[in-house]
Amino acid sequence: MSEHESAPVTAPRKNIEETAQTKFPRGLVVRLFAYLVAGHIFAGFLYLLFEVGGK
């Protein structure tokens, strides 16, 4: 490097413990979202069954 070029500035890396405590694994987030959506669809289906069956 010449004296006029500067080194790229990088953010300090977090250690593994800080990263693990602040960020969920991607697979867990996807699975949780899928379960929430599926759970609401199932609950809506049950509600519909009870509404139709109650008439």
Protein backbone atom coordinates (compact mmCIF):
# COMPACT_ATOMS: atom_id res chain seq x y z
CA MET A 1 0.00 0.00 0.00
CA SER A 2 1.17 3.46 -0.65
CA GLU A 3 0.96 6.17 1.97
CA HIS A 4 -2.13 7.71 0.28
CA GLU A 5 -4.19 4.52 0.32
CA SER A 6 -6.03 3.66 3.49
CA ALA A 7 -6.92 0.22 4.71
CA PRO A 8 -10.61 -0.68 4.50
CA VAL A 9 -12.46 0.09 7.69
CA THR A 10 -14.21 -2.94 9.11
CA ALA A 11 -16.52 -3.16 12.06
CA PRO A 12 -15.14 -5.01 15.04
CA ARG A 13 -16.28 -8.62 15.06
CA LYS A 14 -18.47 -9.79 17.89
CA ASN A 15 -17.50 -12.91 19.70
CA ILE A 16 -19.62 -16.03 19.33
CA GLU A 17 -21.40 -15.62 22.67
CA GLU A 18 -22.70 -12.14 21.82
CA THR A 19 -23.87 -13.28 18.39
CA ALA A 20 -25.59 -16.38 19.75
CA GLN A 21 -27.48 -14.38 22.37
CA THR A 22 -28.71 -11.63 20.05
CA LYS A 23 -29.63 -13.52 16.87
CA PHE A 24 -31.88 -16.53 16.30
CA PRO A 25 -30.81 -19.18 13.79
CA ARG A 26 -32.48 -18.67 10.42
CA GLY A 27 -34.04 -22.15 10.39
CA LEU A 28 -35.70 -21.50 13.74
CA VAL A 29 -37.23 -18.25 12.52
CA VAL A 30 -38.59 -19.90 9.35
CA ARG A 31 -40.00 -22.85 11.30
CA LEU A 32 -41.60 -20.57 13.91
CA PHE A 33 -43.23 -18.47 11.19
CA ALA A 34 -44.52 -21.59 9.41
CA TYR A 35 -45.96 -22.99 12.65
CA LEU A 36 -47.68 -19.69 13.41
CA VAL A 37 -49.23 -19.51 9.95
CA ALA A 38 -50.28 -23.18 10.00
CA GLY A 39 -51.67 -22.80 13.52
CA HIS A 40 -53.81 -19.83 12.53
CA ILE A 41 -55.08 -21.60 9.43
CA PHE A 42 -55.99 -24.66 11.52
CA ALA A 43 -57.70 -22.49 14.15
CA GLY A 44 -59.67 -20.71 11.42
CA PHE A 45 -60.75 -24.06 9.98
CA LEU A 46 -61.94 -25.25 13.40
CA TYR A 47 -63.81 -21.99 13.91
CA LEU A 48 -65.48 -22.43 10.54
CA LEU A 49 -66.49 -26.01 11.43
CA PHE A 50 -68.06 -24.89 14.70
CA GLU A 51 -69.85 -21.98 13.03
CA VAL A 52 -71.31 -24.21 10.30
CA GLY A 53 -72.09 -27.02 12.75
CA GLY A 54 -73.84 -24.67 15.16
CA LYS A 55 -76.45 -23.58 12.63
